[in-house]
Amino acid sequence: MLFLGLTLGLIGKVLLGTSVILVHGKITKEKRIDGIVLMEMRREQFIAFLGVLLMIVGYVLEISHFGFI
């Protein structure tokens, strides 16, 4: 049951992070937004990608700690 909870939690977090990355990507393609905002959006997009990567690494560490792999 713990494995299922960890897995579903990770899937939810990754879906949320992915949607943030996709929205930021679409906004950065808008031509009506000034350069400062675009730089900030790209930075936030990178941070969101890094966050998703860290969630996946944390998940692998958790399931290995509890002996699921």
PDB file of N, CA and C in Angstrom:
ATOM      1  N   MET A   1       0.819  -1.187   0.000  1.00  0.00           N
ATOM      2  CA  MET A   1       0.000   0.000   0.000  1.00  0.00           C
ATOM      3  C   MET A   1       0.875   1.267   0.000  1.00  0.00           C
ATOM      4  N   LEU A   2       2.006   1.211   0.702  1.00  0.00           N
ATOM      5  CA  LEU A   2       2.921   2.352   0.725  1.00  0.00           C
ATOM      6  C   LEU A   2       3.475   2.626  -0.666  1.00  0.00           C
ATOM      7  N   PHE A   3       3.831   1.564  -1.376  1.00  0.00           N
ATOM      8  CA  PHE A   3       4.357   1.718  -2.733  1.00  0.00           C
ATOM      9  C   PHE A   3       3.332   2.396  -3.630  1.00  0.00           C
ATOM     10  N   LEU A   4       2.084   1.987  -3.528  1.00  0.00           N
ATOM     11  CA  LEU A   4       1.023   2.587  -4.339  1.00  0.00           C
ATOM     12  C   LEU A   4       0.856   4.065  -3.996  1.00  0.00           C
ATOM     13  N   GLY A   5       0.889   4.395  -2.722  1.00  0.00           N
ATOM     14  CA  GLY A   5       0.774   5.790  -2.307  1.00  0.00           C
ATOM     15  C   GLY A   5       1.921   6.646  -2.816  1.00  0.00           C
ATOM     16  N   LEU A   6       3.128   6.131  -2.702  1.00  0.00           N
ATOM     17  CA  LEU A   6       4.286   6.871  -3.205  1.00  0.00           C
ATOM     18  C   LEU A   6       4.209   7.057  -4.715  1.00  0.00           C
ATOM     19  N   THR A   7       3.797   6.012  -5.414  1.00  0.00           N
ATOM     20  CA  THR A   7       3.717   6.069  -6.875  1.00  0.00           C
ATOM     21  C   THR A   7       2.654   7.057  -7.332  1.00  0.00           C
ATOM     22  N   LEU A   8       1.467   6.988  -6.747  1.00  0.00           N
ATOM     23  CA  LEU A   8       0.400   7.916  -7.132  1.00  0.00           C
ATOM     24  C   LEU A   8       0.765   9.357  -6.781  1.00  0.00           C
ATOM     25  N   GLY A   9       1.429   9.551  -5.644  1.00  0.00           N
ATOM     26  CA  GLY A   9       1.883  10.891  -5.272  1.00  0.00           C
ATOM     27  C   GLY A   9       2.870  11.448  -6.281  1.00  0.00           C
ATOM     28  N   LEU A  10       3.791  10.617  -6.716  1.00  0.00           N
ATOM     29  CA  LEU A  10       4.769  11.056  -7.713  1.00  0.00           C
ATOM     30  C   LEU A  10       4.087  11.388  -9.031  1.00  0.00           C
ATOM     31  N   ILE A  11       3.160  10.551  -9.464  1.00  0.00           N
ATOM     32  CA  ILE A  11       2.464  10.805 -10.728  1.00  0.00           C
ATOM     33  C   ILE A  11       1.736  12.142 -10.672  1.00  0.00           C
ATOM     34  N   GLY A  12       1.061  12.425  -9.564  1.00  0.00           N
ATOM     35  CA  GLY A  12       0.361  13.701  -9.423  1.00  0.00           C
ATOM     36  C   GLY A  12       1.305  14.887  -9.456  1.00  0.00           C
ATOM     37  N   LYS A  13       2.410  14.780  -8.766  1.00  0.00           N
ATOM     38  CA  LYS A  13       3.379  15.875  -8.738  1.00  0.00           C
ATOM     39  C   LYS A  13       4.006  16.105 -10.110  1.00  0.00           C
ATOM     40  N   VAL A  14       4.337  15.019 -10.797  1.00  0.00           N
ATOM     41  CA  VAL A  14       4.944  15.148 -12.122  1.00  0.00           C
ATOM     42  C   VAL A  14       3.948  15.745 -13.108  1.00  0.00           C
ATOM     43  N   LEU A  15       2.681  15.336 -13.039  1.00  0.00           N
ATOM     44  CA  LEU A  15       1.663  15.921 -13.914  1.00  0.00           C
ATOM     45  C   LEU A  15       1.518  17.417 -13.664  1.00  0.00           C
ATOM     46  N   LEU A  16       1.507  17.807 -12.412  1.00  0.00           N
ATOM     47  CA  LEU A  16       1.402  19.224 -12.072  1.00  0.00           C
ATOM     48  C   LEU A  16       2.619  19.995 -12.571  1.00  0.00           C
ATOM     49  N   GLY A  17       3.796  19.468 -12.330  1.00  0.00           N
ATOM     50  CA  GLY A  17       5.016  20.127 -12.802  1.00  0.00           C
ATOM     51  C   GLY A  17       5.087  20.210 -14.313  1.00  0.00           C
ATOM     52  N   THR A  18       4.658  19.152 -14.986  1.00  0.00           N
ATOM     53  CA  THR A  18       4.669  19.143 -16.446  1.00  0.00           C
ATOM     54  C   THR A  18       3.714  20.182 -17.009  1.00  0.00           C
ATOM     55  N   SER A  19       2.549  20.319 -16.387  1.00  0.00           N
ATOM     56  CA  SER A  19       1.603  21.329 -16.874  1.00  0.00           C
ATOM     57  C   SER A  19       2.165  22.736 -16.696  1.00  0.00           C
ATOM     58  N   VAL A  20       2.879  22.983 -15.615  1.00  0.00           N
ATOM     59  CA  VAL A  20       3.514  24.292 -15.415  1.00  0.00           C
ATOM     60  C   VAL A  20       4.560  24.541 -16.497  1.00  0.00           C
ATOM     61  N   ILE A  21       5.353  23.530 -16.794  1.00  0.00           N
ATOM     62  CA  ILE A  21       6.385  23.670 -17.824  1.00  0.00           C
ATOM     63  C   ILE A  21       5.754  23.952 -19.182  1.00  0.00           C
ATOM     64  N   LEU A  22       4.681  23.238 -19.514  1.00  0.00           N
ATOM     65  CA  LEU A  22       4.022  23.436 -20.804  1.00  0.00           C
ATOM     66  C   LEU A  22       3.403  24.826 -20.918  1.00  0.00           C
ATOM     67  N   VAL A  23       2.757  25.286 -19.855  1.00  0.00           N
ATOM     68  CA  VAL A  23       2.149  26.625 -19.876  1.00  0.00           C
ATOM     69  C   VAL A  23       3.222  27.691 -20.028  1.00  0.00           C
ATOM     70  N   HIS A  24       4.306  27.551 -19.297  1.00  0.00           N
ATOM     71  CA  HIS A  24       5.388  28.526 -19.418  1.00  0.00           C
ATOM     72  C   HIS A  24       5.967  28.516 -20.831  1.00  0.00           C
ATOM     73  N   GLY A  25       6.057  27.341 -21.434  1.00  0.00           N
ATOM     74  CA  GLY A  25       6.559  27.254 -22.800  1.00  0.00           C
ATOM     75  C   GLY A  25       5.663  27.968 -23.791  1.00  0.00           C
ATOM     76  N   LYS A  26       4.352  27.833 -23.617  1.00  0.00           N
ATOM     77  CA  LYS A  26       3.417  28.508 -24.525  1.00  0.00           C
ATOM     78  C   LYS A  26       3.448  30.015 -24.324  1.00  0.00           C
ATOM     79  N   ILE A  27       3.568  30.451 -23.087  1.00  0.00           N
ATOM     80  CA  ILE A  27       3.588  31.891 -22.812  1.00  0.00           C
ATOM     81  C   ILE A  27       4.853  32.528 -23.378  1.00  0.00           C
ATOM     82  N   THR A  28       5.974  31.825 -23.318  1.00  0.00           N
ATOM     83  CA  THR A  28       7.221  32.412 -23.831  1.00  0.00           C
ATOM     84  C   THR A  28       7.201  32.579 -25.345  1.00  0.00           C
ATOM     85  N   LYS A  29       6.295  31.910 -26.031  1.00  0.00           N
ATOM     86  CA  LYS A  29       6.183  32.063 -27.484  1.00  0.00           C
ATOM     87  C   LYS A  29       5.306  33.252 -27.879  1.00  0.00           C
ATOM     88  N   GLU A  30       4.639  33.864 -26.906  1.00  0.00           N
ATOM     89  CA  GLU A  30       3.825  35.050 -27.186  1.00  0.00           C
ATOM     90  C   GLU A  30       4.734  36.207 -27.582  1.00  0.00           C
ATOM     91  N   LYS A  31       4.336  36.959 -28.558  1.00  0.00           N
ATOM     92  CA  LYS A  31       5.149  38.086 -29.039  1.00  0.00           C
ATOM     93  C   LYS A  31       4.813  39.390 -28.319  1.00  0.00           C
ATOM     94  N   ARG A  32       3.728  39.411 -27.557  1.00  0.00           N
ATOM     95  CA  ARG A  32       3.297  40.652 -26.914  1.00  0.00           C
ATOM     96  C   ARG A  32       3.855  40.830 -25.507  1.00  0.00           C
ATOM     97  N   ILE A  33       4.730  39.949 -25.081  1.00  0.00           N
ATOM     98  CA  ILE A  33       5.286  40.016 -23.729  1.00  0.00           C
ATOM     99  C   ILE A  33       6.710  40.549 -23.825  1.00  0.00           C
ATOM    100  N   ASP A  34       7.064  41.460 -22.912  1.00  0.00           N
ATOM    101  CA  ASP A  34       8.399  42.065 -22.987  1.00  0.00           C
ATOM    102  C   ASP A  34       9.498  41.086 -22.556  1.00  0.00           C
ATOM    103  N   GLY A  35      10.722  41.457 -22.851  1.00  0.00           N
ATOM    104  CA  GLY A  35      11.874  40.583 -22.647  1.00  0.00           C
ATOM    105  C   GLY A  35      12.128  40.194 -21.207  1.00  0.00           C
ATOM    106  N   ILE A  36      11.889  41.110 -20.285  1.00  0.00           N
ATOM    107  CA  ILE A  36      12.136  40.816 -18.867  1.00  0.00           C
ATOM    108  C   ILE A  36      11.210  39.706 -18.390  1.00  0.00           C
ATOM    109  N   VAL A  37       9.952  39.797 -18.783  1.00  0.00           N
ATOM    110  CA  VAL A  37       8.983  38.770 -18.391  1.00  0.00           C
ATOM    111  C   VAL A  37       9.348  37.435 -19.033  1.00  0.00           C
ATOM    112  N   LEU A  38       9.780  37.466 -20.282  1.00  0.00           N
ATOM    113  CA  LEU A  38      10.165  36.229 -20.959  1.00  0.00           C
ATOM    114  C   LEU A  38      11.357  35.565 -20.281  1.00  0.00           C
ATOM    115  N   MET A  39      12.339  36.362 -19.869  1.00  0.00           N
ATOM    116  CA  MET A  39      13.490  35.797 -19.154  1.00  0.00           C
ATOM    117  C   MET A  39      13.048  35.144 -17.854  1.00  0.00           C
ATOM    118  N   GLU A  40      12.155  35.800 -17.129  1.00  0.00           N
ATOM    119  CA  GLU A  40      11.656  35.253 -15.868  1.00  0.00           C
ATOM    120  C   GLU A  40      10.873  33.958 -16.103  1.00  0.00           C
ATOM    121  N   MET A  41      10.074  33.935 -17.155  1.00  0.00           N
ATOM    122  CA  MET A  41       9.294  32.735 -17.465  1.00  0.00           C
ATOM    123  C   MET A  41      10.214  31.571 -17.827  1.00  0.00           C
ATOM    124  N   ARG A  42      11.256  31.840 -18.583  1.00  0.00           N
ATOM    125  CA  ARG A  42      12.210  30.774 -18.930  1.00  0.00           C
ATOM    126  C   ARG A  42      12.932  30.256 -17.688  1.00  0.00           C
ATOM    127  N   ARG A  43      13.254  31.165 -16.779  1.00  0.00           N
ATOM    128  CA  ARG A  43      13.907  30.756 -15.533  1.00  0.00           C
ATOM    129  C   ARG A  43      12.963  29.888 -14.703  1.00  0.00           C
ATOM    130  N   GLU A  44      11.699  30.297 -14.605  1.00  0.00           N
ATOM    131  CA  GLU A  44      10.716  29.509 -13.863  1.00  0.00           C
ATOM    132  C   GLU A  44      10.493  28.153 -14.519  1.00  0.00           C
ATOM    133  N   GLN A  45      10.525  28.121 -15.838  1.00  0.00           N
ATOM    134  CA  GLN A  45      10.360  26.863 -16.559  1.00  0.00           C
ATOM    135  C   GLN A  45      11.514  25.915 -16.231  1.00  0.00           C
ATOM    136  N   PHE A  46      12.729  26.429 -16.183  1.00  0.00           N
ATOM    137  CA  PHE A  46      13.889  25.611 -15.830  1.00  0.00           C
ATOM    138  C   PHE A  46      13.778  25.100 -14.397  1.00  0.00           C
ATOM    139  N   ILE A  47      13.358  25.966 -13.480  1.00  0.00           N
ATOM    140  CA  ILE A  47      13.215  25.564 -12.077  1.00  0.00           C
ATOM    141  C   ILE A  47      12.145  24.485 -11.938  1.00  0.00           C
ATOM    142  N   ALA A  48      11.040  24.612 -12.682  1.00  0.00           N
ATOM    143  CA  ALA A  48       9.988  23.593 -12.645  1.00  0.00           C
ATOM    144  C   ALA A  48      10.511  22.262 -13.175  1.00  0.00           C
ATOM    145  N   PHE A  49      11.285  22.303 -14.249  1.00  0.00           N
ATOM    146  CA  PHE A  49      11.872  21.078 -14.801  1.00  0.00           C
ATOM    147  C   PHE A  49      12.812  20.433 -13.786  1.00  0.00           C
ATOM    148  N   LEU A  50      13.628  21.244 -13.132  1.00  0.00           N
ATOM    149  CA  LEU A  50      14.535  20.738 -12.108  1.00  0.00           C
ATOM    150  C   LEU A  50      13.747  20.129 -10.945  1.00  0.00           C
ATOM    151  N   GLY A  51      12.642  20.765 -10.570  1.00  0.00           N
ATOM    152  CA  GLY A  51      11.796  20.234  -9.502  1.00  0.00           C
ATOM    153  C   GLY A  51      11.226  18.871  -9.840  1.00  0.00           C
ATOM    154  N   VAL A  52      10.759  18.700 -11.071  1.00  0.00           N
ATOM    155  CA  VAL A  52      10.235  17.401 -11.504  1.00  0.00           C
ATOM    156  C   VAL A  52      11.341  16.352 -11.463  1.00  0.00           C
ATOM    157  N   LEU A  53      12.516  16.713 -11.920  1.00  0.00           N
ATOM    158  CA  LEU A  53      13.644  15.785 -11.897  1.00  0.00           C
ATOM    159  C   LEU A  53      13.984  15.368 -10.464  1.00  0.00           C
ATOM    160  N   LEU A  54      13.986  16.319  -9.537  1.00  0.00           N
ATOM    161  CA  LEU A  54      14.282  16.006  -8.138  1.00  0.00           C
ATOM    162  C   LEU A  54      13.195  15.131  -7.514  1.00  0.00           C
ATOM    163  N   MET A  55      11.931  15.338  -7.903  1.00  0.00           N
ATOM    164  CA  MET A  55      10.853  14.483  -7.403  1.00  0.00           C
ATOM    165  C   MET A  55      11.057  13.036  -7.845  1.00  0.00           C
ATOM    166  N   ILE A  56      11.473  12.852  -9.088  1.00  0.00           N
ATOM    167  CA  ILE A  56      11.693  11.498  -9.597  1.00  0.00           C
ATOM    168  C   ILE A  56      12.870  10.843  -8.885  1.00  0.00           C
ATOM    169  N   VAL A  57      13.943  11.588  -8.686  1.00  0.00           N
ATOM    170  CA  VAL A  57      15.102  11.048  -7.965  1.00  0.00           C
ATOM    171  C   VAL A  57      14.711  10.703  -6.528  1.00  0.00           C
ATOM    172  N   GLY A  58      13.959  11.573  -5.878  1.00  0.00           N
ATOM    173  CA  GLY A  58      13.500  11.301  -4.522  1.00  0.00           C
ATOM    174  C   GLY A  58      12.628  10.060  -4.440  1.00  0.00           C
ATOM    175  N   TYR A  59      11.775   9.875  -5.439  1.00  0.00           N
ATOM    176  CA  TYR A  59      10.918   8.688  -5.495  1.00  0.00           C
ATOM    177  C   TYR A  59      11.759   7.418  -5.581  1.00  0.00           C
ATOM    178  N   VAL A  60      12.757   7.434  -6.451  1.00  0.00           N
ATOM    179  CA  VAL A  60      13.621   6.259  -6.597  1.00  0.00           C
ATOM    180  C   VAL A  60      14.342   5.972  -5.280  1.00  0.00           C
ATOM    181  N   LEU A  61      14.808   7.009  -4.607  1.00  0.00           N
ATOM    182  CA  LEU A  61      15.479   6.813  -3.319  1.00  0.00           C
ATOM    183  C   LEU A  61      14.518   6.254  -2.269  1.00  0.00           C
ATOM    184  N   GLU A  62      13.276   6.757  -2.244  1.00  0.00           N
ATOM    185  CA  GLU A  62      12.291   6.269  -1.271  1.00  0.00           C
ATOM    186  C   GLU A  62      11.955   4.801  -1.503  1.00  0.00           C
ATOM    187  N   ILE A  63      11.678   4.434  -2.752  1.00  0.00           N
ATOM    188  CA  ILE A  63      11.287   3.038  -2.977  1.00  0.00           C
ATOM    189  C   ILE A  63      12.464   2.086  -2.782  1.00  0.00           C
ATOM    190  N   SER A  64      13.680   2.564  -3.011  1.00  0.00           N
ATOM    191  CA  SER A  64      14.828   1.695  -2.735  1.00  0.00           C
ATOM    192  C   SER A  64      15.050   1.571  -1.225  1.00  0.00           C
ATOM    193  N   HIS A  65      14.788   2.634  -0.476  1.00  0.00           N
ATOM    194  CA  HIS A  65      14.931   2.592   0.983  1.00  0.00           C
ATOM    195  C   HIS A  65      13.949   1.598   1.603  1.00  0.00           C
ATOM    196  N   PHE A  66      12.723   1.589   1.089  1.00  0.00           N
ATOM    197  CA  PHE A  66      11.703   0.703   1.639  1.00  0.00           C
ATOM    198  C   PHE A  66      11.760  -0.702   1.034  1.00  0.00           C
ATOM    199  N   GLY A  67      12.720  -0.957   0.149  1.00  0.00           N
ATOM    200  CA  GLY A  67      12.937  -2.298  -0.367  1.00  0.00           C
ATOM    201  C   GLY A  67      12.025  -2.716  -1.503  1.00  0.00           C
ATOM    202  N   PHE A  68      11.448  -1.769  -2.213  1.00  0.00           N
ATOM    203  CA  PHE A  68      10.574  -2.123  -3.329  1.00  0.00           C
ATOM    204  C   PHE A  68      11.355  -2.426  -4.598  1.00  0.00           C
ATOM    205  N   ILE A  69      12.625  -2.003  -4.651  1.00  0.00           N
ATOM    206  CA  ILE A  69      13.475  -2.358  -5.797  1.00  0.00           C
ATOM    207  C   ILE A  69      14.792  -2.901  -5.284  1.00  0.00           C
TER     208      ILE A  69
END
